[in-house]
Amino acid sequence: MSGERPRPRFWLAVLVATTAFAYLFGLSWAPVHLHFDEIKFAEQARSISTTLRDVNGRFLPVYFQMEASVWFHPLGVYLPALAFKLSSVSAAALRAPSALLGVLDV
């Protein structure tokens, strides 16, 4: 039994842990400042988390209007809104859902 090879689940766990560390480490400070697009998503997510309406007053929209003719998929807003509800409004809470989706993607 001492020469038994590690099972695939062990290697999967190592892969997930390593990827999670790489994606989640430093979310609140790397990069230091939020990008313009991140701020737009944060505004929408904060509005949804507090009022269930986007910044234009639409109740739980299917797509989010970021500019006059620019619309985005709701996942990028609803997941940070949930993170804002579970913690506080911060750069780490805004970036965490994207990082966790990246871990899931790997």
PDB file of N, CA and C in Angstrom:
ATOM      1  N   MET A   1       0.812  -1.196   0.000  1.00  0.00           N
ATOM      2  CA  MET A   1       0.000   0.000   0.000  1.00  0.00           C
ATOM      3  C   MET A   1       0.855   1.259   0.000  1.00  0.00           C
ATOM      4  N   SER A   2       2.079   1.216   0.491  1.00  0.00           N
ATOM      5  CA  SER A   2       2.897   2.420   0.557  1.00  0.00           C
ATOM      6  C   SER A   2       3.326   2.894  -0.821  1.00  0.00           C
ATOM      7  N   GLY A   3       3.346   2.027  -1.819  1.00  0.00           N
ATOM      8  CA  GLY A   3       3.732   2.411  -3.161  1.00  0.00           C
ATOM      9  C   GLY A   3       2.547   2.761  -4.044  1.00  0.00           C
ATOM     10  N   GLU A   4       1.387   2.956  -3.444  1.00  0.00           N
ATOM     11  CA  GLU A   4       0.183   3.254  -4.208  1.00  0.00           C
ATOM     12  C   GLU A   4       0.253   4.654  -4.803  1.00  0.00           C
ATOM     13  N   ARG A   5      -0.155   4.785  -6.058  1.00  0.00           N
ATOM     14  CA  ARG A   5      -0.139   6.076  -6.741  1.00  0.00           C
ATOM     15  C   ARG A   5      -1.315   6.927  -6.278  1.00  0.00           C
ATOM     16  N   PRO A   6      -1.117   8.257  -6.225  1.00  0.00           N
ATOM     17  CA  PRO A   6      -2.228   9.137  -5.843  1.00  0.00           C
ATOM     18  C   PRO A   6      -3.379   9.014  -6.847  1.00  0.00           C
ATOM     19  N   ARG A   7      -4.551   9.095  -6.364  1.00  0.00           N
ATOM     20  CA  ARG A   7      -5.747   8.965  -7.184  1.00  0.00           C
ATOM     21  C   ARG A   7      -5.979  10.252  -7.990  1.00  0.00           C
ATOM     22  N   PRO A   8      -6.733  10.145  -9.089  1.00  0.00           N
ATOM     23  CA  PRO A   8      -7.026  11.339  -9.894  1.00  0.00           C
ATOM     24  C   PRO A   8      -7.730  12.445  -9.102  1.00  0.00           C
ATOM     25  N   ARG A   9      -8.532  12.082  -8.112  1.00  0.00           N
ATOM     26  CA  ARG A   9      -9.207  13.102  -7.297  1.00  0.00           C
ATOM     27  C   ARG A   9      -8.198  13.956  -6.535  1.00  0.00           C
ATOM     28  N   PHE A  10      -7.128  13.319  -6.083  1.00  0.00           N
ATOM     29  CA  PHE A  10      -6.081  14.068  -5.394  1.00  0.00           C
ATOM     30  C   PHE A  10      -5.490  15.121  -6.317  1.00  0.00           C
ATOM     31  N   TRP A  11      -5.160  14.723  -7.548  1.00  0.00           N
ATOM     32  CA  TRP A  11      -4.561  15.668  -8.493  1.00  0.00           C
ATOM     33  C   TRP A  11      -5.561  16.742  -8.903  1.00  0.00           C
ATOM     34  N   LEU A  12      -6.825  16.393  -8.978  1.00  0.00           N
ATOM     35  CA  LEU A  12      -7.848  17.388  -9.270  1.00  0.00           C
ATOM     36  C   LEU A  12      -7.928  18.417  -8.139  1.00  0.00           C
ATOM     37  N   ALA A  13      -7.872  17.939  -6.909  1.00  0.00           N
ATOM     38  CA  ALA A  13      -7.899  18.835  -5.750  1.00  0.00           C
ATOM     39  C   ALA A  13      -6.679  19.748  -5.745  1.00  0.00           C
ATOM     40  N   VAL A  14      -5.520  19.214  -6.086  1.00  0.00           N
ATOM     41  CA  VAL A  14      -4.302  20.031  -6.152  1.00  0.00           C
ATOM     42  C   VAL A  14      -4.442  21.095  -7.240  1.00  0.00           C
ATOM     43  N   LEU A  15      -4.966  20.705  -8.397  1.00  0.00           N
ATOM     44  CA  LEU A  15      -5.162  21.642  -9.494  1.00  0.00           C
ATOM     45  C   LEU A  15      -6.129  22.752  -9.104  1.00  0.00           C
ATOM     46  N   VAL A  16      -7.247  22.391  -8.482  1.00  0.00           N
ATOM     47  CA  VAL A  16      -8.233  23.396  -8.076  1.00  0.00           C
ATOM     48  C   VAL A  16      -7.643  24.335  -7.033  1.00  0.00           C
ATOM     49  N   ALA A  17      -6.948  23.791  -6.039  1.00  0.00           N
ATOM     50  CA  ALA A  17      -6.360  24.627  -4.990  1.00  0.00           C
ATOM     51  C   ALA A  17      -5.300  25.573  -5.554  1.00  0.00           C
ATOM     52  N   THR A  18      -4.454  25.077  -6.425  1.00  0.00           N
ATOM     53  CA  THR A  18      -3.412  25.912  -7.018  1.00  0.00           C
ATOM     54  C   THR A  18      -4.016  27.005  -7.890  1.00  0.00           C
ATOM     55  N   THR A  19      -4.993  26.644  -8.690  1.00  0.00           N
ATOM     56  CA  THR A  19      -5.646  27.621  -9.557  1.00  0.00           C
ATOM     57  C   THR A  19      -6.390  28.666  -8.735  1.00  0.00           C
ATOM     58  N   ALA A  20      -7.085  28.234  -7.705  1.00  0.00           N
ATOM     59  CA  ALA A  20      -7.808  29.174  -6.844  1.00  0.00           C
ATOM     60  C   ALA A  20      -6.844  30.146  -6.175  1.00  0.00           C
ATOM     61  N   PHE A  21      -5.721  29.648  -5.703  1.00  0.00           N
ATOM     62  CA  PHE A  21      -4.735  30.536  -5.088  1.00  0.00           C
ATOM     63  C   PHE A  21      -4.232  31.556  -6.101  1.00  0.00           C
ATOM     64  N   ALA A  22      -3.911  31.102  -7.302  1.00  0.00           N
ATOM     65  CA  ALA A  22      -3.385  31.998  -8.335  1.00  0.00           C
ATOM     66  C   ALA A  22      -4.420  33.049  -8.741  1.00  0.00           C
ATOM     67  N   TYR A  23      -5.681  32.661  -8.854  1.00  0.00           N
ATOM     68  CA  TYR A  23      -6.713  33.590  -9.289  1.00  0.00           C
ATOM     69  C   TYR A  23      -7.194  34.518  -8.175  1.00  0.00           C
ATOM     70  N   LEU A  24      -7.252  34.023  -6.947  1.00  0.00           N
ATOM     71  CA  LEU A  24      -7.850  34.785  -5.858  1.00  0.00           C
ATOM     72  C   LEU A  24      -6.859  35.610  -5.046  1.00  0.00           C
ATOM     73  N   PHE A  25      -5.577  35.295  -5.134  1.00  0.00           N
ATOM     74  CA  PHE A  25      -4.580  36.011  -4.340  1.00  0.00           C
ATOM     75  C   PHE A  25      -4.490  37.464  -4.805  1.00  0.00           C
ATOM     76  N   GLY A  26      -4.658  38.384  -3.904  1.00  0.00           N
ATOM     77  CA  GLY A  26      -4.479  39.800  -4.201  1.00  0.00           C
ATOM     78  C   GLY A  26      -5.602  40.467  -4.971  1.00  0.00           C
ATOM     79  N   LEU A  27      -6.812  39.946  -4.879  1.00  0.00           N
ATOM     80  CA  LEU A  27      -7.920  40.535  -5.634  1.00  0.00           C
ATOM     81  C   LEU A  27      -8.166  41.997  -5.296  1.00  0.00           C
ATOM     82  N   SER A  28      -7.938  42.385  -4.064  1.00  0.00           N
ATOM     83  CA  SER A  28      -8.250  43.755  -3.659  1.00  0.00           C
ATOM     84  C   SER A  28      -7.147  44.745  -4.011  1.00  0.00           C
ATOM     85  N   TRP A  29      -5.950  44.263  -4.362  1.00  0.00           N
ATOM     86  CA  TRP A  29      -4.861  45.211  -4.620  1.00  0.00           C
ATOM     87  C   TRP A  29      -4.093  44.977  -5.912  1.00  0.00           C
ATOM     88  N   ALA A  30      -4.450  44.015  -6.694  1.00  0.00           N
ATOM     89  CA  ALA A  30      -3.710  43.796  -7.942  1.00  0.00           C
ATOM     90  C   ALA A  30      -4.701  43.602  -9.085  1.00  0.00           C
ATOM     91  N   PRO A  31      -4.817  44.510  -9.991  1.00  0.00           N
ATOM     92  CA  PRO A  31      -4.180  45.822 -10.057  1.00  0.00           C
ATOM     93  C   PRO A  31      -4.759  46.764  -9.002  1.00  0.00           C
ATOM     94  N   VAL A  32      -3.993  47.803  -8.716  1.00  0.00           N
ATOM     95  CA  VAL A  32      -4.326  48.677  -7.597  1.00  0.00           C
ATOM     96  C   VAL A  32      -5.653  49.396  -7.810  1.00  0.00           C
ATOM     97  N   HIS A  33      -5.846  49.954  -8.976  1.00  0.00           N
ATOM     98  CA  HIS A  33      -7.051  50.730  -9.246  1.00  0.00           C
ATOM     99  C   HIS A  33      -8.016  49.937 -10.124  1.00  0.00           C
ATOM    100  N   LEU A  34      -9.292  50.164  -9.895  1.00  0.00           N
ATOM    101  CA  LEU A  34     -10.293  49.528 -10.734  1.00  0.00           C
ATOM    102  C   LEU A  34     -10.260  50.147 -12.129  1.00  0.00           C
ATOM    103  N   HIS A  35     -10.450  49.329 -13.132  1.00  0.00           N
ATOM    104  CA  HIS A  35     -10.531  49.797 -14.516  1.00  0.00           C
ATOM    105  C   HIS A  35     -11.898  50.449 -14.729  1.00  0.00           C
ATOM    106  N   PHE A  36     -11.984  51.306 -15.730  1.00  0.00           N
ATOM    107  CA  PHE A  36     -13.235  52.003 -16.031  1.00  0.00           C
ATOM    108  C   PHE A  36     -14.405  51.022 -16.181  1.00  0.00           C
ATOM    109  N   ASP A  37     -14.191  49.928 -16.906  1.00  0.00           N
ATOM    110  CA  ASP A  37     -15.261  48.943 -17.098  1.00  0.00           C
ATOM    111  C   ASP A  37     -15.664  48.281 -15.789  1.00  0.00           C
ATOM    112  N   GLU A  38     -14.689  48.003 -14.920  1.00  0.00           N
ATOM    113  CA  GLU A  38     -15.013  47.416 -13.619  1.00  0.00           C
ATOM    114  C   GLU A  38     -15.891  48.357 -12.802  1.00  0.00           C
ATOM    115  N   ILE A  39     -15.627  49.642 -12.912  1.00  0.00           N
ATOM    116  CA  ILE A  39     -16.422  50.627 -12.179  1.00  0.00           C
ATOM    117  C   ILE A  39     -17.860  50.629 -12.686  1.00  0.00           C
ATOM    118  N   LYS A  40     -18.042  50.532 -14.002  1.00  0.00           N
ATOM    119  CA  LYS A  40     -19.395  50.482 -14.570  1.00  0.00           C
ATOM    120  C   LYS A  40     -20.153  49.251 -14.050  1.00  0.00           C
ATOM    121  N   PHE A  41     -19.472  48.097 -14.036  1.00  0.00           N
ATOM    122  CA  PHE A  41     -20.108  46.885 -13.520  1.00  0.00           C
ATOM    123  C   PHE A  41     -20.386  47.013 -12.024  1.00  0.00           C
ATOM    124  N   ALA A  42     -19.486  47.641 -11.282  1.00  0.00           N
ATOM    125  CA  ALA A  42     -19.683  47.827  -9.843  1.00  0.00           C
ATOM    126  C   ALA A  42     -20.881  48.733  -9.565  1.00  0.00           C
ATOM    127  N   GLU A  43     -21.037  49.780 -10.363  1.00  0.00           N
ATOM    128  CA  GLU A  43     -22.195  50.663 -10.185  1.00  0.00           C
ATOM    129  C   GLU A  43     -23.498  49.899 -10.399  1.00  0.00           C
ATOM    130  N   GLN A  44     -23.539  49.112 -11.472  1.00  0.00           N
ATOM    131  CA  GLN A  44     -24.736  48.331 -11.751  1.00  0.00           C
ATOM    132  C   GLN A  44     -24.984  47.301 -10.641  1.00  0.00           C
ATOM    133  N   ALA A  45     -23.923  46.601 -10.221  1.00  0.00           N
ATOM    134  CA  ALA A  45     -24.061  45.565  -9.191  1.00  0.00           C
ATOM    135  C   ALA A  45     -24.507  46.157  -7.861  1.00  0.00           C
ATOM    136  N   ARG A  46     -23.960  47.299  -7.502  1.00  0.00           N
ATOM    137  CA  ARG A  46     -24.370  47.938  -6.248  1.00  0.00           C
ATOM    138  C   ARG A  46     -25.839  48.350  -6.312  1.00  0.00           C
ATOM    139  N   SER A  47     -26.247  48.879  -7.447  1.00  0.00           N
ATOM    140  CA  SER A  47     -27.640  49.272  -7.610  1.00  0.00           C
ATOM    141  C   SER A  47     -28.563  48.054  -7.515  1.00  0.00           C
ATOM    142  N   ILE A  48     -28.195  46.966  -8.176  1.00  0.00           N
ATOM    143  CA  ILE A  48     -28.998  45.740  -8.118  1.00  0.00           C
ATOM    144  C   ILE A  48     -29.040  45.185  -6.693  1.00  0.00           C
ATOM    145  N   SER A  49     -27.897  45.202  -5.997  1.00  0.00           N
ATOM    146  CA  SER A  49     -27.857  44.618  -4.647  1.00  0.00           C
ATOM    147  C   SER A  49     -28.669  45.414  -3.637  1.00  0.00           C
ATOM    148  N   THR A  50     -28.859  46.698  -3.879  1.00  0.00           N
ATOM    149  CA  THR A  50     -29.603  47.510  -2.916  1.00  0.00           C
ATOM    150  C   THR A  50     -31.062  47.733  -3.304  1.00  0.00           C
ATOM    151  N   THR A  51     -31.346  47.873  -4.622  1.00  0.00           N
ATOM    152  CA  THR A  51     -32.707  48.233  -5.038  1.00  0.00           C
ATOM    153  C   THR A  51     -33.372  47.232  -5.975  1.00  0.00           C
ATOM    154  N   LEU A  52     -32.609  46.237  -6.448  1.00  0.00           N
ATOM    155  CA  LEU A  52     -33.066  45.281  -7.463  1.00  0.00           C
ATOM    156  C   LEU A  52     -33.344  45.954  -8.809  1.00  0.00           C
ATOM    157  N   ARG A  53     -32.830  47.169  -8.973  1.00  0.00           N
ATOM    158  CA  ARG A  53     -32.970  47.907 -10.226  1.00  0.00           C
ATOM    159  C   ARG A  53     -31.578  48.323 -10.703  1.00  0.00           C
ATOM    160  N   ASP A  54     -31.410  48.403 -12.042  1.00  0.00           N
ATOM    161  CA  ASP A  54     -30.124  48.867 -12.563  1.00  0.00           C
ATOM    162  C   ASP A  54     -30.041  50.382 -12.418  1.00  0.00           C
ATOM    163  N   VAL A  55     -28.956  50.963 -12.853  1.00  0.00           N
ATOM    164  CA  VAL A  55     -28.774  52.409 -12.690  1.00  0.00           C
ATOM    165  C   VAL A  55     -29.756  53.214 -13.532  1.00  0.00           C
ATOM    166  N   ASN A  56     -30.383  52.587 -14.513  1.00  0.00           N
ATOM    167  CA  ASN A  56     -31.408  53.254 -15.325  1.00  0.00           C
ATOM    168  C   ASN A  56     -32.817  53.019 -14.790  1.00  0.00           C
ATOM    169  N   GLY A  57     -32.951  52.309 -13.678  1.00  0.00           N
ATOM    170  CA  GLY A  57     -34.242  52.092 -13.045  1.00  0.00           C
ATOM    171  C   GLY A  57     -34.992  50.859 -13.507  1.00  0.00           C
ATOM    172  N   ARG A  58     -34.378  50.018 -14.340  1.00  0.00           N
ATOM    173  CA  ARG A  58     -35.051  48.810 -14.818  1.00  0.00           C
ATOM    174  C   ARG A  58     -35.006  47.731 -13.733  1.00  0.00           C
ATOM    175  N   PHE A  59     -36.122  47.079 -13.485  1.00  0.00           N
ATOM    176  CA  PHE A  59     -36.213  46.041 -12.465  1.00  0.00           C
ATOM    177  C   PHE A  59     -35.618  44.736 -12.990  1.00  0.00           C
ATOM    178  N   LEU A  60     -34.573  44.228 -12.334  1.00  0.00           N
ATOM    179  CA  LEU A  60     -33.893  42.974 -12.654  1.00  0.00           C
ATOM    180  C   LEU A  60     -33.805  42.730 -14.172  1.00  0.00           C
ATOM    181  N   PRO A  61     -33.067  43.559 -14.871  1.00  0.00           N
ATOM    182  CA  PRO A  61     -33.002  43.441 -16.332  1.00  0.00           C
ATOM    183  C   PRO A  61     -32.323  42.153 -16.796  1.00  0.00           C
ATOM    184  N   VAL A  62     -32.670  41.736 -17.990  1.00  0.00           N
ATOM    185  CA  VAL A  62     -32.056  40.553 -18.587  1.00  0.00           C
ATOM    186  C   VAL A  62     -30.666  40.906 -19.108  1.00  0.00           C
ATOM    187  N   TYR A  63     -30.509  42.090 -19.691  1.00  0.00           N
ATOM    188  CA  TYR A  63     -29.205  42.596 -20.132  1.00  0.00           C
ATOM    189  C   TYR A  63     -29.005  43.978 -19.544  1.00  0.00           C
ATOM    190  N   PHE A  64     -27.748  44.356 -19.366  1.00  0.00           N
ATOM    191  CA  PHE A  64     -27.429  45.632 -18.747  1.00  0.00           C
ATOM    192  C   PHE A  64     -26.869  46.606 -19.764  1.00  0.00           C
ATOM    193  N   GLN A  65     -27.474  47.787 -19.814  1.00  0.00           N
ATOM    194  CA  GLN A  65     -27.024  48.834 -20.717  1.00  0.00           C
ATOM    195  C   GLN A  65     -25.924  49.635 -20.031  1.00  0.00           C
ATOM    196  N   MET A  66     -24.701  49.539 -20.587  1.00  0.00           N
ATOM    197  CA  MET A  66     -23.566  50.241 -20.003  1.00  0.00           C
ATOM    198  C   MET A  66     -23.342  51.601 -20.667  1.00  0.00           C
ATOM    199  N   GLU A  67     -23.623  51.688 -21.936  1.00  0.00           N
ATOM    200  CA  GLU A  67     -23.544  52.943 -22.686  1.00  0.00           C
ATOM    201  C   GLU A  67     -24.735  52.968 -23.628  1.00  0.00           C
ATOM    202  N   ALA A  68     -24.831  53.994 -24.449  1.00  0.00           N
ATOM    203  CA  ALA A  68     -26.004  54.167 -25.311  1.00  0.00           C
ATOM    204  C   ALA A  68     -26.338  52.917 -26.117  1.00  0.00           C
ATOM    205  N   SER A  69     -25.354  52.310 -26.751  1.00  0.00           N
ATOM    206  CA  SER A  69     -25.629  51.128 -27.574  1.00  0.00           C
ATOM    207  C   SER A  69     -24.785  49.924 -27.163  1.00  0.00           C
ATOM    208  N   VAL A  70     -24.392  49.872 -25.901  1.00  0.00           N
ATOM    209  CA  VAL A  70     -23.568  48.768 -25.396  1.00  0.00           C
ATOM    210  C   VAL A  70     -24.332  48.052 -24.289  1.00  0.00           C
ATOM    211  N   TRP A  71     -24.591  46.762 -24.508  1.00  0.00           N
ATOM    212  CA  TRP A  71     -25.333  45.952 -23.557  1.00  0.00           C
ATOM    213  C   TRP A  71     -24.485  44.752 -23.147  1.00  0.00           C
ATOM    214  N   PHE A  72     -24.585  44.339 -21.893  1.00  0.00           N
ATOM    215  CA  PHE A  72     -23.774  43.230 -21.388  1.00  0.00           C
ATOM    216  C   PHE A  72     -24.643  42.137 -20.779  1.00  0.00           C
ATOM    217  N   HIS A  73     -24.084  40.937 -20.811  1.00  0.00           N
ATOM    218  CA  HIS A  73     -24.699  39.752 -20.217  1.00  0.00           C
ATOM    219  C   HIS A  73     -24.882  39.983 -18.718  1.00  0.00           C
ATOM    220  N   PRO A  74     -25.950  39.481 -18.119  1.00  0.00           N
ATOM    221  CA  PRO A  74     -26.236  39.764 -16.711  1.00  0.00           C
ATOM    222  C   PRO A  74     -25.323  39.078 -15.699  1.00  0.00           C
ATOM    223  N   LEU A  75     -24.643  38.014 -16.090  1.00  0.00           N
ATOM    224  CA  LEU A  75     -23.812  37.282 -15.135  1.00  0.00           C
ATOM    225  C   LEU A  75     -22.737  38.178 -14.515  1.00  0.00           C
ATOM    226  N   GLY A  76     -22.186  39.085 -15.309  1.00  0.00           N
ATOM    227  CA  GLY A  76     -21.149  39.981 -14.813  1.00  0.00           C
ATOM    228  C   GLY A  76     -21.649  41.024 -13.839  1.00  0.00           C
ATOM    229  N   VAL A  77     -22.947  41.160 -13.705  1.00  0.00           N
ATOM    230  CA  VAL A  77     -23.531  42.108 -12.746  1.00  0.00           C
ATOM    231  C   VAL A  77     -24.174  41.374 -11.576  1.00  0.00           C
ATOM    232  N   TYR A  78     -24.926  40.323 -11.869  1.00  0.00           N
ATOM    233  CA  TYR A  78     -25.646  39.638 -10.790  1.00  0.00           C
ATOM    234  C   TYR A  78     -24.720  38.915  -9.813  1.00  0.00           C
ATOM    235  N   LEU A  79     -23.634  38.329 -10.297  1.00  0.00           N
ATOM    236  CA  LEU A  79     -22.708  37.659  -9.367  1.00  0.00           C
ATOM    237  C   LEU A  79     -22.004  38.656  -8.445  1.00  0.00           C
ATOM    238  N   PRO A  80     -21.470  39.785  -8.950  1.00  0.00           N
ATOM    239  CA  PRO A  80     -20.937  40.774  -8.015  1.00  0.00           C
ATOM    240  C   PRO A  80     -22.006  41.347  -7.077  1.00  0.00           C
ATOM    241  N   ALA A  81     -23.236  41.496  -7.565  1.00  0.00           N
ATOM    242  CA  ALA A  81     -24.308  41.985  -6.686  1.00  0.00           C
ATOM    243  C   ALA A  81     -24.526  41.024  -5.523  1.00  0.00           C
ATOM    244  N   LEU A  82     -24.483  39.731  -5.814  1.00  0.00           N
ATOM    245  CA  LEU A  82     -24.591  38.731  -4.750  1.00  0.00           C
ATOM    246  C   LEU A  82     -23.403  38.822  -3.793  1.00  0.00           C
ATOM    247  N   ALA A  83     -22.217  39.018  -4.356  1.00  0.00           N
ATOM    248  CA  ALA A  83     -21.024  39.178  -3.507  1.00  0.00           C
ATOM    249  C   ALA A  83     -21.139  40.419  -2.632  1.00  0.00           C
ATOM    250  N   PHE A  84     -21.700  41.499  -3.164  1.00  0.00           N
ATOM    251  CA  PHE A  84     -21.897  42.716  -2.363  1.00  0.00           C
ATOM    252  C   PHE A  84     -22.899  42.474  -1.247  1.00  0.00           C
ATOM    253  N   LYS A  85     -23.895  41.645  -1.493  1.00  0.00           N
ATOM    254  CA  LYS A  85     -24.864  41.315  -0.448  1.00  0.00           C
ATOM    255  C   LYS A  85     -24.232  40.462   0.655  1.00  0.00           C
ATOM    256  N   LEU A  86     -23.346  39.531   0.249  1.00  0.00           N
ATOM    257  CA  LEU A  86     -22.732  38.619   1.218  1.00  0.00           C
ATOM    258  C   LEU A  86     -21.598  39.268   1.996  1.00  0.00           C
ATOM    259  N   SER A  87     -20.940  40.256   1.412  1.00  0.00           N
ATOM    260  CA  SER A  87     -19.865  40.962   2.110  1.00  0.00           C
ATOM    261  C   SER A  87     -20.135  42.454   1.971  1.00  0.00           C
ATOM    262  N   SER A  88     -19.118  43.226   1.774  1.00  0.00           N
ATOM    263  CA  SER A  88     -19.313  44.658   1.573  1.00  0.00           C
ATOM    264  C   SER A  88     -18.916  45.019   0.143  1.00  0.00           C
ATOM    265  N   VAL A  89     -19.235  46.230  -0.251  1.00  0.00           N
ATOM    266  CA  VAL A  89     -18.846  46.698  -1.579  1.00  0.00           C
ATOM    267  C   VAL A  89     -17.348  46.985  -1.539  1.00  0.00           C
ATOM    268  N   SER A  90     -16.587  46.199  -2.298  1.00  0.00           N
ATOM    269  CA  SER A  90     -15.137  46.371  -2.341  1.00  0.00           C
ATOM    270  C   SER A  90     -14.603  45.831  -3.656  1.00  0.00           C
ATOM    271  N   ALA A  91     -13.352  46.154  -3.938  1.00  0.00           N
ATOM    272  CA  ALA A  91     -12.717  45.655  -5.164  1.00  0.00           C
ATOM    273  C   ALA A  91     -12.631  44.134  -5.138  1.00  0.00           C
ATOM    274  N   ALA A  92     -12.316  43.573  -3.986  1.00  0.00           N
ATOM    275  CA  ALA A  92     -12.214  42.112  -3.879  1.00  0.00           C
ATOM    276  C   ALA A  92     -13.563  41.450  -4.124  1.00  0.00           C
ATOM    277  N   ALA A  93     -14.639  42.009  -3.562  1.00  0.00           N
ATOM    278  CA  ALA A  93     -15.971  41.441  -3.769  1.00  0.00           C
ATOM    279  C   ALA A  93     -16.399  41.578  -5.228  1.00  0.00           C
ATOM    280  N   LEU A  94     -15.989  42.644  -5.877  1.00  0.00           N
ATOM    281  CA  LEU A  94     -16.312  42.838  -7.292  1.00  0.00           C
ATOM    282  C   LEU A  94     -15.571  41.844  -8.171  1.00  0.00           C
ATOM    283  N   ARG A  95     -14.309  41.586  -7.857  1.00  0.00           N
ATOM    284  CA  ARG A  95     -13.476  40.724  -8.696  1.00  0.00           C
ATOM    285  C   ARG A  95     -13.597  39.233  -8.374  1.00  0.00           C
ATOM    286  N   ALA A  96     -14.045  38.884  -7.182  1.00  0.00           N
ATOM    287  CA  ALA A  96     -14.094  37.482  -6.758  1.00  0.00           C
ATOM    288  C   ALA A  96     -14.948  36.593  -7.660  1.00  0.00           C
ATOM    289  N   PRO A  97     -16.159  37.010  -8.058  1.00  0.00           N
ATOM    290  CA  PRO A  97     -16.945  36.123  -8.928  1.00  0.00           C
ATOM    291  C   PRO A  97     -16.253  35.792 -10.243  1.00  0.00           C
ATOM    292  N   SER A  98     -15.593  36.759 -10.850  1.00  0.00           N
ATOM    293  CA  SER A  98     -14.873  36.504 -12.096  1.00  0.00           C
ATOM    294  C   SER A  98     -13.726  35.532 -11.863  1.00  0.00           C
ATOM    295  N   ALA A  99     -13.022  35.698 -10.751  1.00  0.00           N
ATOM    296  CA  ALA A  99     -11.915  34.793 -10.441  1.00  0.00           C
ATOM    297  C   ALA A  99     -12.415  33.380 -10.193  1.00  0.00           C
ATOM    298  N   LEU A 100     -13.539  33.264  -9.475  1.00  0.00           N
ATOM    299  CA  LEU A 100     -14.083  31.922  -9.212  1.00  0.00           C
ATOM    300  C   LEU A 100     -14.580  31.263 -10.497  1.00  0.00           C
ATOM    301  N   LEU A 101     -15.146  32.046 -11.402  1.00  0.00           N
ATOM    302  CA  LEU A 101     -15.533  31.489 -12.706  1.00  0.00           C
ATOM    303  C   LEU A 101     -14.296  31.050 -13.487  1.00  0.00           C
ATOM    304  N   GLY A 102     -13.198  31.783 -13.337  1.00  0.00           N
ATOM    305  CA  GLY A 102     -11.942  31.374 -13.980  1.00  0.00           C
ATOM    306  C   GLY A 102     -11.427  30.058 -13.427  1.00  0.00           C
ATOM    307  N   VAL A 103     -11.530  29.867 -12.116  1.00  0.00           N
ATOM    308  CA  VAL A 103     -11.131  28.594 -11.500  1.00  0.00           C
ATOM    309  C   VAL A 103     -12.014  27.474 -12.025  1.00  0.00           C
ATOM    310  N   LEU A 104     -13.310  27.726 -12.106  1.00  0.00           N
ATOM    311  CA  LEU A 104     -14.232  26.721 -12.624  1.00  0.00           C
ATOM    312  C   LEU A 104     -13.919  26.384 -14.079  1.00  0.00           C
ATOM    313  N   ASP A 105     -13.512  27.380 -14.838  1.00  0.00           N
ATOM    314  CA  ASP A 105     -13.190  27.172 -16.246  1.00  0.00           C
ATOM    315  C   ASP A 105     -11.970  26.256 -16.415  1.00  0.00           C
ATOM    316  N   VAL A 106     -10.999  26.405 -15.536  1.00  0.00           N
ATOM    317  CA  VAL A 106      -9.803  25.543 -15.605  1.00  0.00           C
ATOM    318  C   VAL A 106     -10.202  24.121 -15.285  1.00  0.00           C
TER     319      VAL A 106
END
